[in-house]
Protein backbone atom coordinates (compact mmCIF):
# COMPACT_ATOMS: atom_id res chain seq x y z
CA UNK A 1 0.00 0.00 0.00
CA UNK A 2 1.41 3.37 -0.99
CA UNK A 3 1.43 6.34 1.29
CA UNK A 4 -0.10 9.38 -0.33
CA UNK A 5 1.25 12.85 0.27
CA UNK A 6 -1.65 14.96 1.60
CA UNK A 7 -0.26 18.11 -0.04
CA UNK A 8 -0.40 16.68 -3.56
CA UNK A 9 -3.19 14.16 -4.02
CA UNK A 10 -2.44 11.08 -6.07
CA UNK A 11 1.38 11.19 -5.80
CA UNK A 12 3.18 8.72 -3.52
CA UNK A 13 5.77 9.99 -1.05
CA UNK A 14 9.32 9.88 -2.31
CA UNK A 15 11.72 7.77 -0.29
CA UNK A 16 14.99 9.39 0.59
CA UNK A 17 18.12 7.52 1.51
CA UNK A 18 19.65 8.85 4.69
CA UNK A 19 23.36 9.72 4.69
CA UNK A 20 23.93 7.30 7.57
CA UNK A 21 22.55 4.45 5.45
CA UNK A 22 24.88 5.37 2.59
CA UNK A 23 27.83 5.50 4.96
CA UNK A 24 26.95 2.07 6.35
CA UNK A 25 26.63 0.65 2.82
CA UNK A 26 30.06 2.07 1.94
CA UNK A 27 31.49 0.64 5.16
CA UNK A 28 29.99 -2.79 4.38
CA UNK A 29 31.37 -2.71 0.83
CA UNK A 30 34.79 -1.72 2.12
CA UNK A 31 34.72 -4.48 4.73
CA UNK A 32 33.47 -7.18 2.36
CA UNK A 33 35.13 -6.41 -0.96
CA UNK A 34 38.13 -4.42 0.21
CA UNK A 35 38.75 -6.74 3.14
CA UNK A 36 38.73 -9.74 0.81
CA UNK A 37 41.10 -8.01 -1.62
CA UNK A 38 43.47 -6.94 1.14
CA UNK A 39 43.44 -10.38 2.78
CA UNK A 40 44.08 -12.08 -0.55
CA UNK A 41 46.97 -9.73 -1.32
CA UNK A 42 48.49 -10.17 2.14
CA UNK A 43 48.17 -13.96 1.96
CA UNK A 44 49.71 -14.08 -1.50
CA UNK A 45 52.55 -11.76 -0.51
CA UNK A 46 53.20 -13.89 2.55
CA UNK A 47 53.25 -17.05 0.44
CA UNK A 48 55.50 -15.36 -2.09
CA UNK A 49 58.01 -13.89 0.37
CA UNK A 50 58.36 -16.62 3.01
CA UNK A 51 61.75 -18.35 2.67
CA UNK A 52 60.33 -21.86 2.99
CA UNK A 53 59.08 -24.45 0.52
CA UNK A 54 56.42 -23.20 -1.88
CA UNK A 55 53.76 -25.62 -0.60
CA UNK A 56 54.31 -24.70 3.05
CA UNK A 57 54.40 -20.97 2.27
CA UNK A 58 51.11 -21.26 0.38
CA UNK A 59 49.57 -23.23 3.24
CA UNK A 60 50.62 -20.62 5.81
CA UNK A 61 49.35 -17.82 3.60
CA UNK A 62 45.96 -19.47 3.19
CA UNK A 63 45.63 -20.29 6.88
CA UNK A 64 46.49 -16.73 7.91
CA UNK A 65 44.25 -15.21 5.23
CA UNK A 66 41.19 -16.07 7.33
CA UNK A 67 42.67 -14.19 10.26
CA UNK A 68 43.62 -11.24 8.01
CA UNK A 69 40.10 -11.04 6.57
CA UNK A 70 38.41 -11.24 9.97
CA UNK A 71 40.63 -8.56 11.49
CA UNK A 72 40.29 -6.21 8.53
CA UNK A 73 36.51 -6.62 8.27
CA UNK A 74 35.96 -6.10 11.99
CA UNK A 75 38.28 -3.10 12.04
CA UNK A 76 36.25 -1.47 9.25
CA UNK A 77 33.27 -1.35 11.61
CA UNK A 78 35.25 -0.31 14.68
CA UNK A 79 37.04 2.62 13.03
CA UNK A 80 34.97 5.78 13.61
CA UNK A 81 35.98 7.46 10.34
CA UNK A 82 34.93 5.79 7.11
CA UNK A 83 37.56 7.52 5.01
CA UNK A 84 40.34 6.20 7.25
CA UNK A 85 39.06 2.63 7.08
CA UNK A 86 38.65 2.79 3.30
CA UNK A 87 42.07 4.42 2.82
CA UNK A 88 43.83 1.74 4.85
CA UNK A 89 41.99 -1.21 3.34
CA UNK A 90 42.31 -0.06 -0.27
CA UNK A 91 45.78 1.30 0.49
CA UNK A 92 46.86 -2.23 1.37
CA UNK A 93 45.01 -3.95 -1.47
CA UNK A 94 45.99 -1.82 -4.47
CA UNK A 95 49.73 -1.26 -3.83
CA UNK A 96 50.00 -4.87 -2.66
CA UNK A 97 48.52 -6.07 -5.96
CA UNK A 98 51.00 -3.89 -7.85
CA UNK A 99 53.84 -5.30 -5.76
CA UNK A 100 52.70 -8.85 -6.53
CA UNK A 101 52.57 -8.05 -10.22
CA UNK A 102 56.05 -6.56 -10.02
CA UNK A 103 57.49 -9.56 -8.13
CA UNK A 104 56.11 -12.05 -10.62
CA UNK A 105 56.11 -15.80 -10.18
CA UNK A 106 58.28 -17.38 -7.51
CA UNK A 107 61.12 -19.34 -9.02
PDB file of N, CA and C in Angstrom:
ATOM      1  N   UNK A   1       0.840  -1.165   0.000  1.00  0.00           N
ATOM      2  CA  UNK A   1       0.000   0.000   0.000  1.00  0.00           C
ATOM      3  C   UNK A   1       0.893   1.238   0.000  1.00  0.00           C
ATOM      4  N   UNK A   2       0.602   2.163  -0.880  1.00  0.00           N
ATOM      5  CA  UNK A   2       1.409   3.369  -0.992  1.00  0.00           C
ATOM      6  C   UNK A   2       0.878   4.448  -0.072  1.00  0.00           C
ATOM      7  N   UNK A   3       1.827   5.192   0.488  1.00  0.00           N
ATOM      8  CA  UNK A   3       1.428   6.344   1.290  1.00  0.00           C
ATOM      9  C   UNK A   3       1.261   7.522   0.349  1.00  0.00           C
ATOM     10  N   UNK A   4       0.201   8.246   0.532  1.00  0.00           N
ATOM     11  CA  UNK A   4      -0.102   9.380  -0.334  1.00  0.00           C
ATOM     12  C   UNK A   4       0.233  10.671   0.407  1.00  0.00           C
ATOM     13  N   UNK A   5       0.917  11.545  -0.283  1.00  0.00           N
ATOM     14  CA  UNK A   5       1.253  12.851   0.275  1.00  0.00           C
ATOM     15  C   UNK A   5      -0.021  13.694   0.326  1.00  0.00           C
ATOM     16  N   UNK A   6      -0.394  14.192   1.507  1.00  0.00           N
ATOM     17  CA  UNK A   6      -1.648  14.962   1.603  1.00  0.00           C
ATOM     18  C   UNK A   6      -1.573  16.302   0.862  1.00  0.00           C
ATOM     19  N   UNK A   7      -0.381  16.816   0.639  1.00  0.00           N
ATOM     20  CA  UNK A   7      -0.260  18.111  -0.036  1.00  0.00           C
ATOM     21  C   UNK A   7      -0.493  17.996  -1.535  1.00  0.00           C
ATOM     22  N   UNK A   8      -0.163  16.850  -2.130  1.00  0.00           N
ATOM     23  CA  UNK A   8      -0.395  16.679  -3.565  1.00  0.00           C
ATOM     24  C   UNK A   8      -1.119  15.355  -3.765  1.00  0.00           C
ATOM     25  N   UNK A   9      -2.408  15.390  -3.932  1.00  0.00           N
ATOM     26  CA  UNK A   9      -3.194  14.157  -4.018  1.00  0.00           C
ATOM     27  C   UNK A   9      -2.794  13.307  -5.234  1.00  0.00           C
ATOM     28  N   UNK A  10      -2.715  12.006  -4.996  1.00  0.00           N
ATOM     29  CA  UNK A  10      -2.440  11.076  -6.067  1.00  0.00           C
ATOM     30  C   UNK A  10      -0.972  10.736  -6.266  1.00  0.00           C
ATOM     31  N   UNK A  11      -0.045  11.459  -5.629  1.00  0.00           N
ATOM     32  CA  UNK A  11       1.384  11.193  -5.797  1.00  0.00           C
ATOM     33  C   UNK A  11       1.938  10.528  -4.545  1.00  0.00           C
ATOM     34  N   UNK A  12       2.611   9.383  -4.699  1.00  0.00           N
ATOM     35  CA  UNK A  12       3.181   8.724  -3.519  1.00  0.00           C
ATOM     36  C   UNK A  12       4.373   9.518  -2.974  1.00  0.00           C
ATOM     37  N   UNK A  13       4.633   9.324  -1.696  1.00  0.00           N
ATOM     38  CA  UNK A  13       5.766   9.986  -1.053  1.00  0.00           C
ATOM     39  C   UNK A  13       7.074   9.438  -1.605  1.00  0.00           C
ATOM     40  N   UNK A  14       8.007  10.306  -1.838  1.00  0.00           N
ATOM     41  CA  UNK A  14       9.324   9.880  -2.312  1.00  0.00           C
ATOM     42  C   UNK A  14      10.141   9.381  -1.119  1.00  0.00           C
ATOM     43  N   UNK A  15      10.856   8.308  -1.349  1.00  0.00           N
ATOM     44  CA  UNK A  15      11.715   7.773  -0.290  1.00  0.00           C
ATOM     45  C   UNK A  15      13.102   8.359  -0.464  1.00  0.00           C
ATOM     46  N   UNK A  16      13.643   8.843   0.623  1.00  0.00           N
ATOM     47  CA  UNK A  16      14.986   9.391   0.592  1.00  0.00           C
ATOM     48  C   UNK A  16      15.918   8.464   1.353  1.00  0.00           C
ATOM     49  N   UNK A  17      17.111   8.326   0.838  1.00  0.00           N
ATOM     50  CA  UNK A  17      18.120   7.517   1.512  1.00  0.00           C
ATOM     51  C   UNK A  17      18.891   8.426   2.456  1.00  0.00           C
ATOM     52  N   UNK A  18      18.951   8.040   3.693  1.00  0.00           N
ATOM     53  CA  UNK A  18      19.652   8.849   4.687  1.00  0.00           C
ATOM     54  C   UNK A  18      21.161   8.729   4.501  1.00  0.00           C
ATOM     55  N   UNK A  19      21.896   9.777   4.817  1.00  0.00           N
ATOM     56  CA  UNK A  19      23.364   9.720   4.692  1.00  0.00           C
ATOM     57  C   UNK A  19      23.986   8.626   5.566  1.00  0.00           C
ATOM     58  N   UNK A  20      23.393   8.356   6.697  1.00  0.00           N
ATOM     59  CA  UNK A  20      23.927   7.298   7.565  1.00  0.00           C
ATOM     60  C   UNK A  20      23.798   5.928   6.903  1.00  0.00           C
ATOM     61  N   UNK A  21      22.724   5.723   6.146  1.00  0.00           N
ATOM     62  CA  UNK A  21      22.552   4.454   5.448  1.00  0.00           C
ATOM     63  C   UNK A  21      23.575   4.311   4.324  1.00  0.00           C
ATOM     64  N   UNK A  22      23.855   5.406   3.633  1.00  0.00           N
ATOM     65  CA  UNK A  22      24.879   5.369   2.588  1.00  0.00           C
ATOM     66  C   UNK A  22      26.259   5.107   3.179  1.00  0.00           C
ATOM     67  N   UNK A  23      26.544   5.722   4.310  1.00  0.00           N
ATOM     68  CA  UNK A  23      27.832   5.503   4.964  1.00  0.00           C
ATOM     69  C   UNK A  23      27.970   4.049   5.415  1.00  0.00           C
ATOM     70  N   UNK A  24      26.894   3.476   5.921  1.00  0.00           N
ATOM     71  CA  UNK A  24      26.952   2.075   6.350  1.00  0.00           C
ATOM     72  C   UNK A  24      27.109   1.145   5.149  1.00  0.00           C
ATOM     73  N   UNK A  25      26.467   1.464   4.035  1.00  0.00           N
ATOM     74  CA  UNK A  25      26.630   0.655   2.824  1.00  0.00           C
ATOM     75  C   UNK A  25      28.070   0.737   2.318  1.00  0.00           C
ATOM     76  N   UNK A  26      28.660   1.919   2.359  1.00  0.00           N
ATOM     77  CA  UNK A  26      30.060   2.072   1.944  1.00  0.00           C
ATOM     78  C   UNK A  26      30.988   1.329   2.887  1.00  0.00           C
ATOM     79  N   UNK A  27      30.678   1.361   4.176  1.00  0.00           N
ATOM     80  CA  UNK A  27      31.493   0.640   5.162  1.00  0.00           C
ATOM     81  C   UNK A  27      31.391  -0.871   4.944  1.00  0.00           C
ATOM     82  N   UNK A  28      30.184  -1.350   4.644  1.00  0.00           N
ATOM     83  CA  UNK A  28      29.991  -2.788   4.376  1.00  0.00           C
ATOM     84  C   UNK A  28      30.735  -3.209   3.112  1.00  0.00           C
ATOM     85  N   UNK A  29      30.661  -2.385   2.064  1.00  0.00           N
ATOM     86  CA  UNK A  29      31.371  -2.710   0.826  1.00  0.00           C
ATOM     87  C   UNK A  29      32.875  -2.712   1.048  1.00  0.00           C
ATOM     88  N   UNK A  30      33.357  -1.759   1.826  1.00  0.00           N
ATOM     89  CA  UNK A  30      34.787  -1.722   2.121  1.00  0.00           C
ATOM     90  C   UNK A  30      35.198  -2.946   2.924  1.00  0.00           C
ATOM     91  N   UNK A  31      34.384  -3.317   3.899  1.00  0.00           N
ATOM     92  CA  UNK A  31      34.722  -4.478   4.729  1.00  0.00           C
ATOM     93  C   UNK A  31      34.662  -5.775   3.921  1.00  0.00           C
ATOM     94  N   UNK A  32      33.632  -5.927   3.098  1.00  0.00           N
ATOM     95  CA  UNK A  32      33.472  -7.180   2.364  1.00  0.00           C
ATOM     96  C   UNK A  32      34.416  -7.291   1.178  1.00  0.00           C
ATOM     97  N   UNK A  33      34.341  -6.331   0.272  1.00  0.00           N
ATOM     98  CA  UNK A  33      35.126  -6.415  -0.958  1.00  0.00           C
ATOM     99  C   UNK A  33      36.583  -6.021  -0.707  1.00  0.00           C
ATOM    100  N   UNK A  34      36.769  -4.873  -0.064  1.00  0.00           N
ATOM    101  CA  UNK A  34      38.127  -4.423   0.209  1.00  0.00           C
ATOM    102  C   UNK A  34      38.857  -5.325   1.181  1.00  0.00           C
ATOM    103  N   UNK A  35      38.145  -5.816   2.184  1.00  0.00           N
ATOM    104  CA  UNK A  35      38.753  -6.744   3.137  1.00  0.00           C
ATOM    105  C   UNK A  35      39.188  -8.033   2.467  1.00  0.00           C
ATOM    106  N   UNK A  36      38.362  -8.529   1.551  1.00  0.00           N
ATOM    107  CA  UNK A  36      38.734  -9.739   0.814  1.00  0.00           C
ATOM    108  C   UNK A  36      39.960  -9.475  -0.054  1.00  0.00           C
ATOM    109  N   UNK A  37      39.962  -8.339  -0.750  1.00  0.00           N
ATOM    110  CA  UNK A  37      41.096  -8.010  -1.621  1.00  0.00           C
ATOM    111  C   UNK A  37      42.377  -7.847  -0.805  1.00  0.00           C
ATOM    112  N   UNK A  38      42.288  -7.143   0.310  1.00  0.00           N
ATOM    113  CA  UNK A  38      43.469  -6.936   1.144  1.00  0.00           C
ATOM    114  C   UNK A  38      43.956  -8.255   1.752  1.00  0.00           C
ATOM    115  N   UNK A  39      43.042  -9.092   2.205  1.00  0.00           N
ATOM    116  CA  UNK A  39      43.440 -10.377   2.782  1.00  0.00           C
ATOM    117  C   UNK A  39      44.066 -11.277   1.722  1.00  0.00           C
ATOM    118  N   UNK A  40      43.520 -11.263   0.524  1.00  0.00           N
ATOM    119  CA  UNK A  40      44.085 -12.076  -0.553  1.00  0.00           C
ATOM    120  C   UNK A  40      45.487 -11.593  -0.925  1.00  0.00           C
ATOM    121  N   UNK A  41      45.655 -10.284  -0.991  1.00  0.00           N
ATOM    122  CA  UNK A  41      46.972  -9.731  -1.318  1.00  0.00           C
ATOM    123  C   UNK A  41      47.978 -10.054  -0.215  1.00  0.00           C
ATOM    124  N   UNK A  42      47.574  -9.875   1.036  1.00  0.00           N
ATOM    125  CA  UNK A  42      48.488 -10.174   2.136  1.00  0.00           C
ATOM    126  C   UNK A  42      48.865 -11.649   2.177  1.00  0.00           C
ATOM    127  N   UNK A  43      47.886 -12.524   1.952  1.00  0.00           N
ATOM    128  CA  UNK A  43      48.168 -13.959   1.964  1.00  0.00           C
ATOM    129  C   UNK A  43      49.090 -14.344   0.813  1.00  0.00           C
ATOM    130  N   UNK A  44      48.871 -13.755  -0.354  1.00  0.00           N
ATOM    131  CA  UNK A  44      49.709 -14.075  -1.504  1.00  0.00           C
ATOM    132  C   UNK A  44      51.122 -13.525  -1.324  1.00  0.00           C
ATOM    133  N   UNK A  45      51.220 -12.312  -0.790  1.00  0.00           N
ATOM    134  CA  UNK A  45      52.547 -11.763  -0.507  1.00  0.00           C
ATOM    135  C   UNK A  45      53.294 -12.606   0.521  1.00  0.00           C
ATOM    136  N   UNK A  46      52.580 -13.043   1.541  1.00  0.00           N
ATOM    137  CA  UNK A  46      53.198 -13.894   2.553  1.00  0.00           C
ATOM    138  C   UNK A  46      53.691 -15.193   1.929  1.00  0.00           C
ATOM    139  N   UNK A  47      52.851 -15.805   1.095  1.00  0.00           N
ATOM    140  CA  UNK A  47      53.248 -17.055   0.443  1.00  0.00           C
ATOM    141  C   UNK A  47      54.401 -16.824  -0.529  1.00  0.00           C
ATOM    142  N   UNK A  48      54.444 -15.669  -1.122  1.00  0.00           N
ATOM    143  CA  UNK A  48      55.503 -15.363  -2.094  1.00  0.00           C
ATOM    144  C   UNK A  48      56.832 -15.048  -1.415  1.00  0.00           C
ATOM    145  N   UNK A  49      56.796 -14.393  -0.251  1.00  0.00           N
ATOM    146  CA  UNK A  49      58.010 -13.894   0.369  1.00  0.00           C
ATOM    147  C   UNK A  49      58.586 -14.788   1.473  1.00  0.00           C
ATOM    148  N   UNK A  50      57.821 -15.744   1.969  1.00  0.00           N
ATOM    149  CA  UNK A  50      58.360 -16.625   3.006  1.00  0.00           C
ATOM    150  C   UNK A  50      59.499 -17.479   2.441  1.00  0.00           C
ATOM    151  N   UNK A  51      60.603 -17.590   3.183  1.00  0.00           N
ATOM    152  CA  UNK A  51      61.750 -18.347   2.672  1.00  0.00           C
ATOM    153  C   UNK A  51      61.661 -19.837   2.991  1.00  0.00           C
ATOM    154  N   UNK A  52      60.508 -20.420   2.757  1.00  0.00           N
ATOM    155  CA  UNK A  52      60.334 -21.864   2.990  1.00  0.00           C
ATOM    156  C   UNK A  52      59.817 -22.473   1.696  1.00  0.00           C
ATOM    157  N   UNK A  53      59.561 -23.762   1.716  1.00  0.00           N
ATOM    158  CA  UNK A  53      59.077 -24.447   0.520  1.00  0.00           C
ATOM    159  C   UNK A  53      57.778 -23.814   0.037  1.00  0.00           C
ATOM    160  N   UNK A  54      57.567 -23.862  -1.269  1.00  0.00           N
ATOM    161  CA  UNK A  54      56.415 -23.200  -1.880  1.00  0.00           C
ATOM    162  C   UNK A  54      55.087 -23.717  -1.329  1.00  0.00           C
ATOM    163  N   UNK A  55      55.000 -25.025  -1.116  1.00  0.00           N
ATOM    164  CA  UNK A  55      53.756 -25.616  -0.603  1.00  0.00           C
ATOM    165  C   UNK A  55      53.477 -25.131   0.817  1.00  0.00           C
ATOM    166  N   UNK A  56      54.500 -25.146   1.667  1.00  0.00           N
ATOM    167  CA  UNK A  56      54.312 -24.699   3.048  1.00  0.00           C
ATOM    168  C   UNK A  56      54.006 -23.211   3.119  1.00  0.00           C
ATOM    169  N   UNK A  57      54.661 -22.415   2.286  1.00  0.00           N
ATOM    170  CA  UNK A  57      54.396 -20.971   2.270  1.00  0.00           C
ATOM    171  C   UNK A  57      52.962 -20.691   1.836  1.00  0.00           C
ATOM    172  N   UNK A  58      52.487 -21.422   0.840  1.00  0.00           N
ATOM    173  CA  UNK A  58      51.105 -21.255   0.383  1.00  0.00           C
ATOM    174  C   UNK A  58      50.127 -21.676   1.474  1.00  0.00           C
ATOM    175  N   UNK A  59      50.425 -22.762   2.150  1.00  0.00           N
ATOM    176  CA  UNK A  59      49.568 -23.232   3.241  1.00  0.00           C
ATOM    177  C   UNK A  59      49.488 -22.195   4.355  1.00  0.00           C
ATOM    178  N   UNK A  60      50.630 -21.641   4.763  1.00  0.00           N
ATOM    179  CA  UNK A  60      50.619 -20.623   5.813  1.00  0.00           C
ATOM    180  C   UNK A  60      49.881 -19.364   5.357  1.00  0.00           C
ATOM    181  N   UNK A  61      50.071 -18.981   4.121  1.00  0.00           N
ATOM    182  CA  UNK A  61      49.351 -17.821   3.597  1.00  0.00           C
ATOM    183  C   UNK A  61      47.845 -18.024   3.610  1.00  0.00           C
ATOM    184  N   UNK A  62      47.404 -19.198   3.213  1.00  0.00           N
ATOM    185  CA  UNK A  62      45.962 -19.474   3.192  1.00  0.00           C
ATOM    186  C   UNK A  62      45.384 -19.578   4.603  1.00  0.00           C
ATOM    187  N   UNK A  63      46.123 -20.188   5.500  1.00  0.00           N
ATOM    188  CA  UNK A  63      45.635 -20.288   6.883  1.00  0.00           C
ATOM    189  C   UNK A  63      45.497 -18.896   7.500  1.00  0.00           C
ATOM    190  N   UNK A  64      46.514 -18.067   7.309  1.00  0.00           N
ATOM    191  CA  UNK A  64      46.493 -16.731   7.905  1.00  0.00           C
ATOM    192  C   UNK A  64      45.556 -15.769   7.179  1.00  0.00           C
ATOM    193  N   UNK A  65      45.157 -16.106   5.948  1.00  0.00           N
ATOM    194  CA  UNK A  65      44.247 -15.210   5.226  1.00  0.00           C
ATOM    195  C   UNK A  65      42.903 -15.090   5.934  1.00  0.00           C
ATOM    196  N   UNK A  66      42.448 -16.141   6.585  1.00  0.00           N
ATOM    197  CA  UNK A  66      41.187 -16.075   7.329  1.00  0.00           C
ATOM    198  C   UNK A  66      41.305 -15.094   8.496  1.00  0.00           C
ATOM    199  N   UNK A  67      42.429 -15.127   9.170  1.00  0.00           N
ATOM    200  CA  UNK A  67      42.673 -14.185  10.259  1.00  0.00           C
ATOM    201  C   UNK A  67      42.775 -12.754   9.721  1.00  0.00           C
ATOM    202  N   UNK A  68      43.497 -12.570   8.625  1.00  0.00           N
ATOM    203  CA  UNK A  68      43.621 -11.240   8.011  1.00  0.00           C
ATOM    204  C   UNK A  68      42.245 -10.675   7.660  1.00  0.00           C
ATOM    205  N   UNK A  69      41.428 -11.503   7.016  1.00  0.00           N
ATOM    206  CA  UNK A  69      40.104 -11.041   6.573  1.00  0.00           C
ATOM    207  C   UNK A  69      39.220 -10.681   7.765  1.00  0.00           C
ATOM    208  N   UNK A  70      39.235 -11.508   8.791  1.00  0.00           N
ATOM    209  CA  UNK A  70      38.406 -11.239   9.967  1.00  0.00           C
ATOM    210  C   UNK A  70      38.842  -9.947  10.657  1.00  0.00           C
ATOM    211  N   UNK A  71      40.134  -9.761  10.823  1.00  0.00           N
ATOM    212  CA  UNK A  71      40.635  -8.562  11.494  1.00  0.00           C
ATOM    213  C   UNK A  71      40.323  -7.311  10.680  1.00  0.00           C
ATOM    214  N   UNK A  72      40.546  -7.374   9.379  1.00  0.00           N
ATOM    215  CA  UNK A  72      40.286  -6.205   8.529  1.00  0.00           C
ATOM    216  C   UNK A  72      38.807  -5.865   8.503  1.00  0.00           C
ATOM    217  N   UNK A  73      37.957  -6.872   8.337  1.00  0.00           N
ATOM    218  CA  UNK A  73      36.515  -6.617   8.271  1.00  0.00           C
ATOM    219  C   UNK A  73      35.979  -6.065   9.588  1.00  0.00           C
ATOM    220  N   UNK A  74      36.413  -6.615  10.698  1.00  0.00           N
ATOM    221  CA  UNK A  74      35.956  -6.100  11.990  1.00  0.00           C
ATOM    222  C   UNK A  74      36.476  -4.691  12.233  1.00  0.00           C
ATOM    223  N   UNK A  75      37.713  -4.433  11.834  1.00  0.00           N
ATOM    224  CA  UNK A  75      38.279  -3.098  12.040  1.00  0.00           C
ATOM    225  C   UNK A  75      37.535  -2.042  11.225  1.00  0.00           C
ATOM    226  N   UNK A  76      37.021  -2.424  10.066  1.00  0.00           N
ATOM    227  CA  UNK A  76      36.248  -1.471   9.253  1.00  0.00           C
ATOM    228  C   UNK A  76      35.020  -0.964  10.009  1.00  0.00           C
ATOM    229  N   UNK A  77      34.446  -1.768  10.859  1.00  0.00           N
ATOM    230  CA  UNK A  77      33.269  -1.346  11.608  1.00  0.00           C
ATOM    231  C   UNK A  77      33.623  -0.695  12.944  1.00  0.00           C
ATOM    232  N   UNK A  78      34.824  -0.913  13.427  1.00  0.00           N
ATOM    233  CA  UNK A  78      35.251  -0.311  14.685  1.00  0.00           C
ATOM    234  C   UNK A  78      35.785   1.099  14.466  1.00  0.00           C
ATOM    235  N   UNK A  79      36.452   1.313  13.344  1.00  0.00           N
ATOM    236  CA  UNK A  79      37.040   2.617  13.029  1.00  0.00           C
ATOM    237  C   UNK A  79      35.942   3.681  12.894  1.00  0.00           C
ATOM    238  N   UNK A  80      36.038   4.775  13.650  1.00  0.00           N
ATOM    239  CA  UNK A  80      34.970   5.779  13.608  1.00  0.00           C
ATOM    240  C   UNK A  80      34.895   6.559  12.299  1.00  0.00           C
ATOM    241  N   UNK A  81      35.997   6.695  11.593  1.00  0.00           N
ATOM    242  CA  UNK A  81      35.985   7.462  10.342  1.00  0.00           C
ATOM    243  C   UNK A  81      36.026   6.517   9.141  1.00  0.00           C
ATOM    244  N   UNK A  82      35.024   6.649   8.282  1.00  0.00           N
ATOM    245  CA  UNK A  82      34.926   5.788   7.112  1.00  0.00           C
ATOM    246  C   UNK A  82      36.092   5.996   6.158  1.00  0.00           C
ATOM    247  N   UNK A  83      36.486   7.246   5.963  1.00  0.00           N
ATOM    248  CA  UNK A  83      37.564   7.520   5.006  1.00  0.00           C
ATOM    249  C   UNK A  83      38.870   6.879   5.446  1.00  0.00           C
ATOM    250  N   UNK A  84      39.118   6.813   6.742  1.00  0.00           N
ATOM    251  CA  UNK A  84      40.345   6.200   7.247  1.00  0.00           C
ATOM    252  C   UNK A  84      40.324   4.681   7.039  1.00  0.00           C
ATOM    253  N   UNK A  85      39.172   4.081   7.291  1.00  0.00           N
ATOM    254  CA  UNK A  85      39.059   2.633   7.082  1.00  0.00           C
ATOM    255  C   UNK A  85      39.223   2.299   5.604  1.00  0.00           C
ATOM    256  N   UNK A  86      38.555   3.063   4.734  1.00  0.00           N
ATOM    257  CA  UNK A  86      38.652   2.794   3.297  1.00  0.00           C
ATOM    258  C   UNK A  86      40.070   3.051   2.792  1.00  0.00           C
ATOM    259  N   UNK A  87      40.711   4.108   3.279  1.00  0.00           N
ATOM    260  CA  UNK A  87      42.066   4.421   2.825  1.00  0.00           C
ATOM    261  C   UNK A  87      43.037   3.317   3.230  1.00  0.00           C
ATOM    262  N   UNK A  88      42.914   2.789   4.432  1.00  0.00           N
ATOM    263  CA  UNK A  88      43.831   1.744   4.854  1.00  0.00           C
ATOM    264  C   UNK A  88      43.574   0.444   4.099  1.00  0.00           C
ATOM    265  N   UNK A  89      42.312   0.063   3.989  1.00  0.00           N
ATOM    266  CA  UNK A  89      41.994  -1.207   3.335  1.00  0.00           C
ATOM    267  C   UNK A  89      42.396  -1.175   1.862  1.00  0.00           C
ATOM    268  N   UNK A  90      41.967  -0.134   1.159  1.00  0.00           N
ATOM    269  CA  UNK A  90      42.315  -0.055  -0.267  1.00  0.00           C
ATOM    270  C   UNK A  90      43.781   0.317  -0.450  1.00  0.00           C
ATOM    271  N   UNK A  91      44.365   0.986   0.543  1.00  0.00           N
ATOM    272  CA  UNK A  91      45.785   1.298   0.494  1.00  0.00           C
ATOM    273  C   UNK A  91      46.660   0.072   0.689  1.00  0.00           C
ATOM    274  N   UNK A  92      46.140  -0.959   1.271  1.00  0.00           N
ATOM    275  CA  UNK A  92      46.859  -2.233   1.368  1.00  0.00           C
ATOM    276  C   UNK A  92      46.614  -3.060   0.104  1.00  0.00           C
ATOM    277  N   UNK A  93      45.372  -3.081  -0.358  1.00  0.00           N
ATOM    278  CA  UNK A  93      45.007  -3.953  -1.473  1.00  0.00           C
ATOM    279  C   UNK A  93      45.633  -3.518  -2.800  1.00  0.00           C
ATOM    280  N   UNK A  94      45.524  -2.256  -3.154  1.00  0.00           N
ATOM    281  CA  UNK A  94      45.988  -1.823  -4.475  1.00  0.00           C
ATOM    282  C   UNK A  94      47.517  -1.807  -4.614  1.00  0.00           C
ATOM    283  N   UNK A  95      48.271  -1.177  -3.693  1.00  0.00           N
ATOM    284  CA  UNK A  95      49.734  -1.261  -3.826  1.00  0.00           C
ATOM    285  C   UNK A  95      50.259  -2.686  -3.648  1.00  0.00           C
ATOM    286  N   UNK A  96      49.587  -3.476  -2.819  1.00  0.00           N
ATOM    287  CA  UNK A  96      50.003  -4.869  -2.659  1.00  0.00           C
ATOM    288  C   UNK A  96      49.826  -5.661  -3.945  1.00  0.00           C
ATOM    289  N   UNK A  97      48.737  -5.404  -4.668  1.00  0.00           N
ATOM    290  CA  UNK A  97      48.523  -6.068  -5.957  1.00  0.00           C
ATOM    291  C   UNK A  97      49.581  -5.635  -6.968  1.00  0.00           C
ATOM    292  N   UNK A  98      49.928  -4.355  -6.953  1.00  0.00           N
ATOM    293  CA  UNK A  98      50.997  -3.887  -7.847  1.00  0.00           C
ATOM    294  C   UNK A  98      52.339  -4.524  -7.486  1.00  0.00           C
ATOM    295  N   UNK A  99      52.604  -4.659  -6.202  1.00  0.00           N
ATOM    296  CA  UNK A  99      53.842  -5.302  -5.764  1.00  0.00           C
ATOM    297  C   UNK A  99      53.882  -6.765  -6.191  1.00  0.00           C
ATOM    298  N   UNK A 100      52.751  -7.455  -6.073  1.00  0.00           N
ATOM    299  CA  UNK A 100      52.697  -8.846  -6.526  1.00  0.00           C
ATOM    300  C   UNK A 100      52.939  -8.947  -8.020  1.00  0.00           C
ATOM    301  N   UNK A 101      52.348  -8.040  -8.773  1.00  0.00           N
ATOM    302  CA  UNK A 101      52.566  -8.046 -10.215  1.00  0.00           C
ATOM    303  C   UNK A 101      54.038  -7.790 -10.532  1.00  0.00           C
ATOM    304  N   UNK A 102      54.651  -6.895  -9.804  1.00  0.00           N
ATOM    305  CA  UNK A 102      56.046  -6.564 -10.018  1.00  0.00           C
ATOM    306  C   UNK A 102      56.981  -7.720  -9.649  1.00  0.00           C
ATOM    307  N   UNK A 103      56.656  -8.434  -8.557  1.00  0.00           N
ATOM    308  CA  UNK A 103      57.488  -9.559  -8.130  1.00  0.00           C
ATOM    309  C   UNK A 103      57.419 -10.731  -9.092  1.00  0.00           C
ATOM    310  N   UNK A 104      56.259 -10.949  -9.668  1.00  0.00           N
ATOM    311  CA  UNK A 104      56.112 -12.047 -10.623  1.00  0.00           C
ATOM    312  C   UNK A 104      55.996 -13.389  -9.921  1.00  0.00           C
ATOM    313  N   UNK A 105      56.246 -14.436 -10.677  1.00  0.00           N
ATOM    314  CA  UNK A 105      56.108 -15.804 -10.182  1.00  0.00           C
ATOM    315  C   UNK A 105      57.358 -16.198  -9.401  1.00  0.00           C
ATOM    316  N   UNK A 106      57.160 -16.918  -8.324  1.00  0.00           N
ATOM    317  CA  UNK A 106      58.282 -17.379  -7.505  1.00  0.00           C
ATOM    318  C   UNK A 106      59.021 -18.488  -8.234  1.00  0.00           C
ATOM    319  N   UNK A 107      60.306 -18.345  -8.300  1.00  0.00           N
ATOM    320  CA  UNK A 107      61.119 -19.342  -9.020  1.00  0.00           C
ATOM    321  C   UNK A 107      61.467 -20.526  -8.146  1.00  0.00           C
TER     322      UNK A 107
END
